[in-house]
Amino acid sequence: MSTLPHFALNIPGVQVGSGQSIEVTNPFSDAVLATVETADQQVVEQALSTAWQCFRKRDAWLPVPERLTILEKAMQLMQQQASTLAEGAAAEGGKPLVDSQVEIARCIDSIRQCIDTLRHQGAHPVPMGVNAASQHRLTLFQKEPIGVVVAISAFNHPLNLIAHQVGPAIAAGCPVIVKPAEATPLSCFRLVEIFYQAGLPAEWCQALLTDSHATAEKLATDKRVGFLSFIGSAKVGWYLRSKLAAGTRCALEHGGIAPVIIDKSANIDEIVPGLAKGGFYHAGQVCVSVQRVYVHKSIAKALADKLIDAAKAQRVGDPLSADTTVGPLIRAEEVDRVDRWVHDAVEQGASLLCGGQRLANHCYEPTVLFDPPATSVVTNQEIFGPVICLFPVDDIAHAVAAANDTDFAFQAAVYSQDIDQAMYAACRLDASAVMINEHTAFRVDWMPFAGLKHSGHGVGGIQYSMAEMQVDKMMVLSSRSIP
């Protein structure tokens, strides 16, 4: 009889086996993959105390050369274990193996970005000697860690999100406590173990699941926290921000309802594969998935027909199969919600062009809806499922107005062969980034990544996170020998 893997508390100073445990399951098969011990408020207090002591002992801070060595070794270990890490992420998160393999490659490259940023970061000096008051003076700058970092992560990219939250903290010299998503914690614990193997002292990176929302809130809002990195729902993120202790910085990454505008000059054959990938990738469980497509009415039917074909061509099934392109949703209740939203839109007048059906193993058919009403939930909220909505429009101005009529703003896209039309839309869309002739979910890991309005606060991306996790300490040197 095989014994399930068990992930115990790895908080220094806390007795192993002292907490309750949860089961982590495969969202496709419901098979139990492992058990994970959870932390109560006493354990969280110990973790915070440990991290705070690391930060307060300045003479024991990890020097830059040591941080670089740890990150370089960690990257090598991730490369050696890439296949195992990708398979583990696919098993617990449901993202197809082919996409999980891409994710571990991005994860490794994100650590490389941490290394490159740490090697080359610097601060611009403040000019002196420009008037009588500043004569005989010189400014020096030194990068210092902001303090304890608490990283609360999401389920949909269990490897690369950890790299984007924990990697910059280690590079910046901050002690970090990371709480992965309850649905996908195993990838996080495996990565943290790799950091330990690379030489990072356990006190500098502690990983835990909490036993309740109240315990998680205590972790995030403690006054010893210097920076909160939160990836998850807008409701929880904005709530936590309202409870942060004075002086705590934060970055919030929530969802969006990524709009795509397609001008009548766009080449439909060229854009459909990208739209389908952007909408159905990871069963639509991506914060910048293609969801609302505003297409000129003269080409709306032609686009719809080709998008139907692309949706039907998706291979839905076991994420561990090399042939699968769309896996399960993370939980059964998410399948219920997506199905309810789709059929509510149909009842209100939307045309169901394809999909709209539950499948076995918590999967949902890739779905295309045509012209949902402005009042429907799929028009106004992030569906986080494999659903693309097409809206016929008269012109670019109409499309921009409809795209902006929401409380969310993140990445957007416009497809056009007319540069004036493309730039008209790009300059008027409410978005932190607009992809021109590329789908909304495009991203490389050195790009800034920022939600606007309800979609988030602050800027993600390796170098941007590192900047937020550090202080540029200025020193003014006074000497008569300085001109």
Protein backbone atom coordinates (compact mmCIF):
# COMPACT_ATOMS: atom_id res chain seq x y z
CA MET A 1 0.00 0.00 0.00
CA SER A 2 1.54 3.31 -1.10
CA THR A 3 1.85 6.21 1.29
CA LEU A 4 0.82 9.64 0.08
CA PRO A 5 3.46 12.37 0.18
CA HIS A 6 3.02 14.62 3.18
CA PHE A 7 4.23 18.21 3.37
CA ALA A 8 4.79 19.14 6.99
CA LEU A 9 5.22 22.60 8.43
CA ASN A 10 8.72 23.80 7.63
CA ILE A 11 8.63 26.85 9.87
CA PRO A 12 11.84 26.93 11.95
CA GLY A 13 11.05 26.45 15.60
CA VAL A 14 7.66 24.80 15.02
CA GLN A 15 7.18 21.13 15.84
CA VAL A 16 6.48 18.97 12.79
CA GLY A 17 3.05 17.35 12.93
CA SER A 18 1.55 19.95 15.25
CA GLY A 19 -1.13 21.17 12.84
CA GLN A 20 -4.14 19.91 10.92
CA SER A 21 -3.74 18.68 7.36
CA ILE A 22 -5.63 19.11 4.10
CA GLU A 23 -5.69 16.92 1.00
CA VAL A 24 -4.50 18.24 -2.35
CA THR A 25 -6.32 16.60 -5.26
CA ASN A 26 -5.98 16.35 -9.02
CA PRO A 27 -8.83 18.51 -10.41
CA PHE A 28 -9.35 16.12 -13.35
CA SER A 29 -9.42 12.76 -11.56
CA ASP A 30 -10.09 13.89 -7.97
CA ALA A 31 -7.22 11.60 -6.92
CA VAL A 32 -5.50 12.70 -3.73
CA LEU A 33 -1.94 13.76 -4.57
CA ALA A 34 -0.61 14.66 -1.12
CA THR A 35 -1.50 15.99 2.29
CA VAL A 36 -0.30 19.37 3.53
CA GLU A 37 -0.11 20.53 7.12
CA THR A 38 -1.75 23.88 7.86
CA ALA A 39 -0.63 26.70 10.10
CA ASP A 40 -2.73 28.22 12.87
CA GLN A 41 -2.25 31.70 14.28
CA GLN A 42 0.44 30.51 16.69
CA VAL A 43 2.48 29.11 13.81
CA VAL A 44 1.98 32.30 11.81
CA GLU A 45 3.23 34.28 14.78
CA GLN A 46 6.35 32.12 14.89
CA ALA A 47 6.93 32.57 11.15
CA LEU A 48 6.54 36.35 11.43
CA SER A 49 8.84 36.48 14.44
CA THR A 50 11.50 34.46 12.62
CA ALA A 51 11.30 36.63 9.50
CA TRP A 52 11.33 39.83 11.55
CA GLN A 53 14.44 38.76 13.42
CA CYS A 54 16.18 38.06 10.11
CA PHE A 55 15.37 41.57 8.94
CA ARG A 56 16.31 43.33 12.16
CA LYS A 57 19.77 41.72 12.36
CA ARG A 58 21.41 43.93 9.75
CA ASP A 59 24.84 42.46 10.19
CA ALA A 60 23.44 39.04 9.26
CA TRP A 61 21.71 40.15 6.06
CA LEU A 62 22.51 37.97 3.06
CA PRO A 63 25.13 39.80 0.99
CA VAL A 64 24.57 40.26 -2.73
CA PRO A 65 27.18 37.69 -3.84
CA GLU A 66 25.53 35.06 -1.65
CA ARG A 67 22.08 35.88 -3.02
CA LEU A 68 23.40 35.61 -6.57
CA THR A 69 24.98 32.24 -5.84
CA ILE A 70 21.74 30.93 -4.31
CA LEU A 71 19.63 32.10 -7.26
CA GLU A 72 22.08 30.70 -9.81
CA LYS A 73 22.16 27.33 -8.06
CA ALA A 74 18.36 27.32 -7.73
CA MET A 75 18.00 27.97 -11.45
CA GLN A 76 20.30 25.02 -12.22
CA LEU A 77 18.30 22.74 -9.92
CA MET A 78 15.03 23.84 -11.53
CA GLN A 79 16.45 23.02 -14.95
CA GLN A 80 17.46 19.56 -13.72
CA GLN A 81 14.01 18.94 -12.24
CA ALA A 82 12.00 20.69 -14.97
CA SER A 83 10.09 17.61 -16.14
CA THR A 84 9.08 16.60 -12.62
CA LEU A 85 8.04 20.15 -11.74
CA ALA A 86 5.95 20.52 -14.91
CA GLU A 87 4.19 17.20 -14.36
CA GLY A 88 3.51 18.09 -10.73
CA ALA A 89 2.06 21.47 -11.67
CA ALA A 90 -0.18 19.88 -14.32
CA ALA A 91 -1.38 17.24 -11.86
CA GLU A 92 -2.39 19.66 -9.10
CA GLY A 93 -3.50 22.65 -11.20
CA GLY A 94 -5.03 21.07 -14.28
CA LYS A 95 -3.06 23.14 -16.77
CA PRO A 96 -2.21 20.88 -19.73
CA LEU A 97 1.26 19.39 -19.65
CA VAL A 98 2.35 21.19 -22.81
CA ASP A 99 1.53 24.53 -21.15
CA SER A 100 2.99 23.51 -17.79
CA GLN A 101 6.25 22.75 -19.59
CA VAL A 102 6.20 26.28 -20.94
CA GLU A 103 5.47 27.54 -17.44
CA ILE A 104 8.51 25.88 -15.86
CA ALA A 105 10.65 27.34 -18.64
CA ARG A 106 9.26 30.77 -17.78
CA CYS A 107 9.79 30.09 -14.07
CA ILE A 108 13.47 29.37 -14.68
CA ASP A 109 13.78 32.46 -16.86
CA SER A 110 12.12 34.53 -14.13
CA ILE A 111 14.87 33.51 -11.72
CA ARG A 112 17.38 34.48 -14.41
CA GLN A 113 15.68 37.88 -14.53
CA CYS A 114 16.14 38.19 -10.76
CA ILE A 115 19.84 37.51 -11.18
CA ASP A 116 20.24 39.97 -14.05
CA THR A 117 18.33 42.70 -12.23
CA LEU A 118 20.36 42.21 -9.05
CA ARG A 119 23.62 42.40 -11.01
CA HIS A 120 22.75 45.58 -12.85
CA GLN A 121 20.37 47.55 -10.64
CA GLY A 122 21.43 50.97 -9.45
CA ALA A 123 20.10 54.37 -8.45
CA HIS A 124 20.63 57.73 -10.09
CA PRO A 125 22.47 60.14 -7.79
CA VAL A 126 20.85 63.41 -6.79
CA PRO A 127 22.86 66.34 -8.22
CA MET A 128 24.83 68.43 -5.76
CA GLY A 129 27.14 71.39 -6.22
CA VAL A 130 24.56 73.31 -8.26
CA ASN A 131 24.08 76.13 -5.77
CA ALA A 132 25.68 77.48 -2.62
CA ALA A 133 23.68 75.19 -0.32
CA SER A 134 24.73 72.02 -2.14
CA GLN A 135 28.39 72.82 -2.70
CA HIS A 136 31.05 70.45 -1.35
CA ARG A 137 28.59 67.59 -1.18
CA LEU A 138 28.06 64.28 -2.96
CA THR A 139 25.17 61.82 -2.83
CA LEU A 140 25.55 58.07 -2.56
CA PHE A 141 22.78 55.49 -2.82
CA GLN A 142 22.53 52.00 -1.36
CA LYS A 143 19.80 49.41 -2.07
CA GLU A 144 18.31 47.96 1.12
CA PRO A 145 15.46 45.45 1.64
CA ILE A 146 12.10 46.98 2.55
CA GLY A 147 11.49 44.37 5.26
CA VAL A 148 9.49 41.18 5.64
CA VAL A 149 7.65 40.20 2.46
CA VAL A 150 4.40 38.23 2.64
CA ALA A 151 3.43 36.67 -0.68
CA ILE A 152 -0.10 35.31 -1.14
CA SER A 153 -0.38 33.48 -4.44
CA ALA A 154 -3.01 32.11 -6.85
CA PHE A 155 -3.60 28.63 -8.24
CA ASN A 156 -3.39 29.21 -11.97
CA HIS A 157 0.40 29.49 -12.42
CA PRO A 158 1.72 27.55 -9.40
CA LEU A 159 5.35 27.68 -10.56
CA ASN A 160 5.84 31.02 -12.26
CA LEU A 161 3.79 33.09 -9.82
CA ILE A 162 6.00 31.84 -7.00
CA ALA A 163 9.05 32.76 -9.06
CA HIS A 164 7.60 36.27 -9.53
CA GLN A 165 6.82 36.73 -5.83
CA VAL A 166 9.52 34.81 -3.97
CA GLY A 167 12.36 35.25 -6.46
CA PRO A 168 12.42 39.07 -6.24
CA ALA A 169 12.17 38.92 -2.44
CA ILE A 170 15.23 36.67 -2.21
CA ALA A 171 17.09 38.83 -4.73
CA ALA A 172 16.19 42.01 -2.84
CA GLY A 173 17.42 40.52 0.43
CA CYS A 174 14.00 40.37 2.09
CA PRO A 175 12.92 37.50 4.35
CA VAL A 176 9.76 36.12 2.74
CA ILE A 177 6.75 34.13 3.93
CA VAL A 178 4.76 32.64 1.07
CA LYS A 179 1.22 31.29 1.23
CA PRO A 180 0.37 29.44 -1.97
CA ALA A 181 -3.17 28.74 -3.12
CA GLU A 182 -4.82 25.92 -1.18
CA ALA A 183 -5.60 24.12 -4.44
CA THR A 184 -1.99 24.13 -5.74
CA PRO A 185 0.51 24.33 -2.87
CA LEU A 186 2.78 21.45 -3.87
CA SER A 187 4.63 23.32 -6.62
CA CYS A 188 5.38 26.12 -4.19
CA PHE A 189 6.78 23.78 -1.55
CA ARG A 190 8.92 22.04 -4.17
CA LEU A 191 10.36 25.36 -5.33
CA VAL A 192 11.05 26.49 -1.77
CA GLU A 193 12.85 23.21 -1.14
CA ILE A 194 14.97 23.93 -4.21
CA PHE A 195 15.93 27.31 -2.75
CA TYR A 196 16.98 25.51 0.44
CA GLN A 197 19.05 23.04 -1.58
CA ALA A 198 20.65 26.02 -3.30
CA GLY A 199 21.85 27.32 0.06
CA LEU A 200 19.10 29.67 1.23
CA PRO A 201 18.69 29.43 5.03
CA ALA A 202 15.18 28.23 5.91
CA GLU A 203 14.55 31.35 8.00
CA TRP A 204 14.70 33.50 4.88
CA CYS A 205 11.90 31.74 3.00
CA GLN A 206 9.05 30.10 4.88
CA ALA A 207 6.11 28.48 3.10
CA LEU A 208 2.78 27.65 4.70
CA LEU A 209 -0.92 27.13 4.21
CA THR A 210 -3.15 28.73 6.80
CA ASP A 211 -6.00 26.98 8.58
CA SER A 212 -8.51 29.82 8.03
CA HIS A 213 -9.09 33.17 6.36
CA ALA A 214 -8.62 34.84 9.74
CA THR A 215 -5.15 33.34 10.06
CA ALA A 216 -4.26 34.45 6.53
CA GLU A 217 -5.46 37.96 7.38
CA LYS A 218 -3.26 38.00 10.48
CA LEU A 219 -0.28 37.04 8.33
CA ALA A 220 -0.91 39.76 5.74
CA THR A 221 -1.79 42.62 8.05
CA ASP A 222 0.79 42.23 10.81
CA LYS A 223 2.75 45.42 11.49
CA ARG A 224 6.05 43.59 10.91
CA VAL A 225 5.20 43.11 7.22
CA GLY A 226 7.04 45.54 4.96
CA PHE A 227 5.51 44.44 1.67
CA LEU A 228 2.44 42.39 0.71
CA SER A 229 2.37 40.72 -2.69
CA PHE A 230 -1.16 39.49 -3.35
CA ILE A 231 -2.44 37.63 -6.42
CA GLY A 232 -6.09 36.64 -6.25
CA SER A 233 -9.62 37.99 -6.23
CA ALA A 234 -10.34 41.71 -6.18
CA LYS A 235 -12.69 41.29 -3.22
CA VAL A 236 -10.01 39.76 -1.02
CA GLY A 237 -7.16 41.92 -2.31
CA TRP A 238 -8.84 45.26 -1.71
CA TYR A 239 -10.08 44.07 1.67
CA LEU A 240 -6.56 43.14 2.77
CA ARG A 241 -5.19 46.45 1.53
CA SER A 242 -7.72 48.26 3.71
CA LYS A 243 -6.40 46.35 6.73
CA LEU A 244 -2.65 46.74 6.15
CA ALA A 245 -0.55 48.18 8.93
CA ALA A 246 0.73 51.73 8.51
CA GLY A 247 3.78 51.78 6.25
CA THR A 248 3.21 48.41 4.57
CA ARG A 249 3.64 48.61 0.82
CA CYS A 250 1.62 46.31 -1.40
CA ALA A 251 1.07 45.07 -4.93
CA LEU A 252 -2.32 43.61 -5.83
CA GLU A 253 -2.92 41.59 -8.97
CA HIS A 254 -6.55 40.79 -9.65
CA GLY A 255 -8.45 39.82 -12.75
CA GLY A 256 -9.74 41.67 -15.77
CA ILE A 257 -12.24 41.25 -18.59
CA ALA A 258 -9.66 41.54 -21.34
CA PRO A 259 -11.18 43.34 -24.36
CA VAL A 260 -10.12 42.70 -27.94
CA ILE A 261 -11.05 45.10 -30.75
CA ILE A 262 -10.99 43.75 -34.30
CA ASP A 263 -11.09 46.29 -37.10
CA LYS A 264 -12.63 45.43 -40.46
CA SER A 265 -9.15 45.44 -42.03
CA ALA A 266 -7.89 42.60 -39.81
CA ASN A 267 -6.80 39.32 -41.38
CA ILE A 268 -9.20 36.80 -39.82
CA ASP A 269 -7.22 33.72 -40.77
CA GLU A 270 -4.14 35.09 -39.02
CA ILE A 271 -5.83 36.20 -35.80
CA VAL A 272 -8.10 33.26 -34.96
CA PRO A 273 -5.36 30.93 -33.62
CA GLY A 274 -4.19 33.64 -31.21
CA LEU A 275 -7.72 34.45 -30.08
CA ALA A 276 -8.45 30.79 -29.43
CA LYS A 277 -5.20 30.33 -27.51
CA GLY A 278 -5.80 33.50 -25.50
CA GLY A 279 -9.36 32.49 -24.63
CA PHE A 280 -9.09 28.75 -24.04
CA TYR A 281 -5.55 28.49 -22.61
CA HIS A 282 -5.72 26.88 -19.14
CA ALA A 283 -9.50 26.65 -19.61
CA GLY A 284 -9.67 30.45 -19.52
CA GLN A 285 -8.31 30.58 -15.98
CA VAL A 286 -5.89 33.44 -16.66
CA CYS A 287 -6.35 37.03 -15.49
CA VAL A 288 -5.85 38.45 -19.01
CA SER A 289 -7.67 35.75 -21.00
CA VAL A 290 -9.47 36.79 -24.17
CA GLN A 291 -13.09 37.23 -23.06
CA ARG A 292 -14.77 40.17 -24.83
CA VAL A 293 -14.13 40.49 -28.57
CA TYR A 294 -15.55 43.58 -30.29
CA VAL A 295 -15.53 42.90 -34.02
CA HIS A 296 -16.65 45.10 -36.91
CA LYS A 297 -20.05 43.85 -38.01
CA SER A 298 -18.92 43.40 -41.63
CA ILE A 299 -16.61 40.54 -40.61
CA ALA A 300 -18.40 39.33 -37.46
CA LYS A 301 -19.99 36.25 -39.04
CA ALA A 302 -16.79 35.18 -40.77
CA LEU A 303 -14.84 35.51 -37.52
CA ALA A 304 -17.54 33.64 -35.60
CA ASP A 305 -17.46 30.72 -38.02
CA LYS A 306 -13.69 30.33 -37.78
CA LEU A 307 -13.69 30.74 -34.00
CA ILE A 308 -16.31 27.98 -33.74
CA ASP A 309 -14.01 25.71 -35.72
CA ALA A 310 -11.08 26.62 -33.46
CA ALA A 311 -13.14 25.93 -30.32
CA LYS A 312 -14.28 22.55 -31.61
CA ALA A 313 -10.70 21.63 -32.49
CA GLN A 314 -9.55 21.96 -28.88
CA ARG A 315 -8.71 18.66 -27.18
CA VAL A 316 -10.36 18.70 -23.76
CA GLY A 317 -9.22 16.12 -21.24
CA ASP A 318 -6.55 14.86 -18.88
CA PRO A 319 -3.95 17.59 -18.33
CA LEU A 320 -1.21 14.96 -18.08
CA SER A 321 -1.89 13.81 -21.65
CA ALA A 322 0.45 15.31 -24.24
CA ASP A 323 -2.52 15.79 -26.62
CA THR A 324 -4.67 17.86 -24.26
CA THR A 325 -5.02 21.57 -24.98
CA VAL A 326 -7.80 22.38 -22.46
CA GLY A 327 -7.91 20.77 -19.04
CA PRO A 328 -10.38 20.96 -16.15
CA LEU A 329 -11.48 23.92 -14.12
CA ILE A 330 -9.89 24.00 -10.70
CA ARG A 331 -13.03 23.10 -8.72
CA ALA A 332 -16.45 21.61 -9.37
CA GLU A 333 -18.16 24.76 -8.15
CA GLU A 334 -16.32 26.76 -10.80
CA VAL A 335 -17.84 24.53 -13.48
CA ASP A 336 -21.26 25.25 -11.94
CA ARG A 337 -20.62 28.99 -12.00
CA VAL A 338 -19.34 29.11 -15.58
CA ASP A 339 -22.29 27.06 -16.80
CA ARG A 340 -24.72 29.29 -14.94
CA TRP A 341 -23.19 32.47 -16.39
CA VAL A 342 -23.26 31.08 -19.94
CA HIS A 343 -26.89 30.03 -19.78
CA ASP A 344 -27.95 33.23 -18.03
CA ALA A 345 -26.48 35.12 -21.01
CA VAL A 346 -28.37 32.87 -23.44
CA GLU A 347 -31.61 33.41 -21.56
CA GLN A 348 -31.03 37.16 -21.87
CA GLY A 349 -30.59 36.96 -25.64
CA ALA A 350 -27.04 35.83 -26.42
CA SER A 351 -26.59 33.23 -29.17
CA LEU A 352 -24.73 30.10 -28.13
CA LEU A 353 -22.56 29.36 -31.17
CA CYS A 354 -20.79 26.34 -29.70
CA GLY A 355 -19.99 24.72 -26.37
CA GLY A 356 -22.03 25.56 -23.33
CA GLN A 357 -21.91 22.02 -21.99
CA ARG A 358 -20.41 20.44 -18.90
CA LEU A 359 -18.03 17.59 -19.56
CA ALA A 360 -16.78 14.85 -17.29
CA ASN A 361 -13.94 15.39 -14.83
CA HIS A 362 -14.76 19.05 -14.08
CA CYS A 363 -14.17 20.12 -17.67
CA TYR A 364 -16.24 22.56 -19.72
CA GLU A 365 -16.63 22.74 -23.47
CA PRO A 366 -14.80 25.64 -25.12
CA THR A 367 -17.65 28.06 -25.67
CA VAL A 368 -18.37 30.94 -28.04
CA LEU A 369 -21.24 33.35 -27.33
CA PHE A 370 -22.51 35.93 -29.80
CA ASP A 371 -23.67 39.36 -28.66
CA PRO A 372 -24.47 38.87 -24.96
CA PRO A 373 -26.47 41.84 -23.64
CA ALA A 374 -24.73 44.61 -21.74
CA THR A 375 -26.53 43.50 -18.57
CA SER A 376 -25.22 39.91 -18.64
CA VAL A 377 -22.62 38.75 -16.14
CA VAL A 378 -20.30 37.50 -18.90
CA THR A 379 -20.14 41.06 -20.23
CA ASN A 380 -19.35 42.65 -16.89
CA GLN A 381 -17.38 40.15 -14.83
CA GLU A 382 -14.32 37.96 -15.36
CA ILE A 383 -15.63 34.52 -16.23
CA PHE A 384 -12.35 32.65 -15.60
CA GLY A 385 -13.52 29.84 -17.84
CA PRO A 386 -13.16 28.74 -21.50
CA VAL A 387 -15.68 31.25 -22.87
CA ILE A 388 -15.21 33.88 -25.58
CA CYS A 389 -17.91 36.49 -26.25
CA LEU A 390 -18.23 38.16 -29.68
CA PHE A 391 -19.88 41.58 -29.96
CA PRO A 392 -20.59 43.09 -33.41
CA VAL A 393 -19.86 46.83 -33.52
CA ASP A 394 -20.32 49.62 -36.06
CA ASP A 395 -16.90 51.23 -35.69
CA ILE A 396 -13.77 51.56 -33.56
CA ALA A 397 -15.24 54.36 -31.42
CA HIS A 398 -18.20 52.14 -30.49
CA ALA A 399 -15.84 49.28 -29.67
CA VAL A 400 -13.63 51.43 -27.43
CA ALA A 401 -16.62 52.82 -25.54
CA ALA A 402 -18.00 49.33 -24.92
CA ALA A 403 -14.60 47.94 -23.94
CA ASN A 404 -14.08 50.71 -21.39
CA ASP A 405 -17.53 50.36 -19.85
CA THR A 406 -16.38 48.25 -16.92
CA ASP A 407 -14.78 48.58 -13.49
CA PHE A 408 -11.80 46.49 -14.62
CA ALA A 409 -8.78 47.38 -16.73
CA PHE A 410 -5.70 45.26 -17.36
CA GLN A 411 -4.34 44.17 -20.73
CA ALA A 412 -6.24 44.76 -23.97
CA ALA A 413 -5.69 44.10 -27.66
CA VAL A 414 -6.50 45.56 -31.06
CA TYR A 415 -6.18 43.87 -34.45
CA SER A 416 -5.96 46.06 -37.54
CA GLN A 417 -3.96 46.51 -40.72
CA ASP A 418 -4.74 50.24 -40.56
CA ILE A 419 -2.15 51.93 -38.35
CA ASP A 420 -4.40 54.92 -37.66
CA GLN A 421 -7.28 52.74 -36.51
CA ALA A 422 -4.95 50.60 -34.39
CA MET A 423 -3.42 53.62 -32.66
CA TYR A 424 -6.82 55.27 -32.21
CA ALA A 425 -7.94 52.26 -30.19
CA ALA A 426 -4.64 51.71 -28.38
CA CYS A 427 -4.50 55.30 -27.17
CA ARG A 428 -8.10 55.31 -25.94
CA LEU A 429 -8.51 51.91 -24.29
CA ASP A 430 -8.51 51.76 -20.50
CA ALA A 431 -5.57 49.40 -20.06
CA SER A 432 -2.07 49.24 -18.64
CA ALA A 433 -0.91 47.48 -21.81
CA VAL A 434 -2.39 47.18 -25.29
CA MET A 435 -1.27 44.44 -27.65
CA ILE A 436 -1.45 45.40 -31.32
CA ASN A 437 -2.05 42.41 -33.59
CA GLU A 438 -1.46 40.10 -30.62
CA HIS A 439 -3.92 38.58 -28.12
CA THR A 440 -4.46 39.94 -24.62
CA ALA A 441 -2.72 37.11 -22.77
CA PHE A 442 0.67 37.77 -24.35
CA ARG A 443 3.38 38.28 -21.77
CA VAL A 444 7.08 37.89 -21.26
CA ASP A 445 8.40 37.99 -17.73
CA TRP A 446 10.37 41.22 -17.96
CA MET A 447 7.28 43.20 -18.99
CA PRO A 448 5.47 45.36 -16.42
CA PHE A 449 2.16 43.78 -15.44
CA ALA A 450 -0.32 46.11 -13.81
CA GLY A 451 -4.04 46.04 -13.15
CA LEU A 452 -5.91 49.35 -13.15
CA LYS A 453 -9.26 50.31 -11.61
CA HIS A 454 -10.52 47.23 -9.71
CA SER A 455 -7.96 45.00 -11.44
CA GLY A 456 -5.08 45.76 -9.13
CA HIS A 457 -2.59 48.12 -7.56
CA GLY A 458 1.12 48.55 -8.21
CA VAL A 459 3.22 46.96 -10.92
CA GLY A 460 4.30 43.33 -11.25
CA GLY A 461 7.21 41.97 -13.25
CA ILE A 462 10.57 40.92 -11.84
CA GLN A 463 12.46 44.23 -11.86
CA TYR A 464 9.37 46.20 -10.87
CA SER A 465 8.67 43.93 -7.89
CA MET A 466 12.29 44.12 -6.81
CA ALA A 467 12.14 47.92 -6.90
CA GLU A 468 9.07 47.87 -4.64
CA MET A 469 10.79 45.48 -2.24
CA GLN A 470 13.79 47.76 -1.78
CA VAL A 471 14.62 51.16 -0.38
CA ASP A 472 17.04 53.51 -2.09
CA LYS A 473 18.86 54.81 0.97
CA MET A 474 20.54 58.12 0.21
CA MET A 475 23.69 59.25 1.98
CA VAL A 476 24.98 62.80 1.60
CA LEU A 477 28.72 63.11 1.94
CA SER A 478 30.11 66.52 2.89
CA SER A 479 33.78 67.36 2.26
CA ARG A 480 35.62 70.54 1.41
CA SER A 481 37.62 68.51 -1.07
CA ILE A 482 34.49 68.08 -3.21
CA PRO A 483 34.10 70.99 -5.62
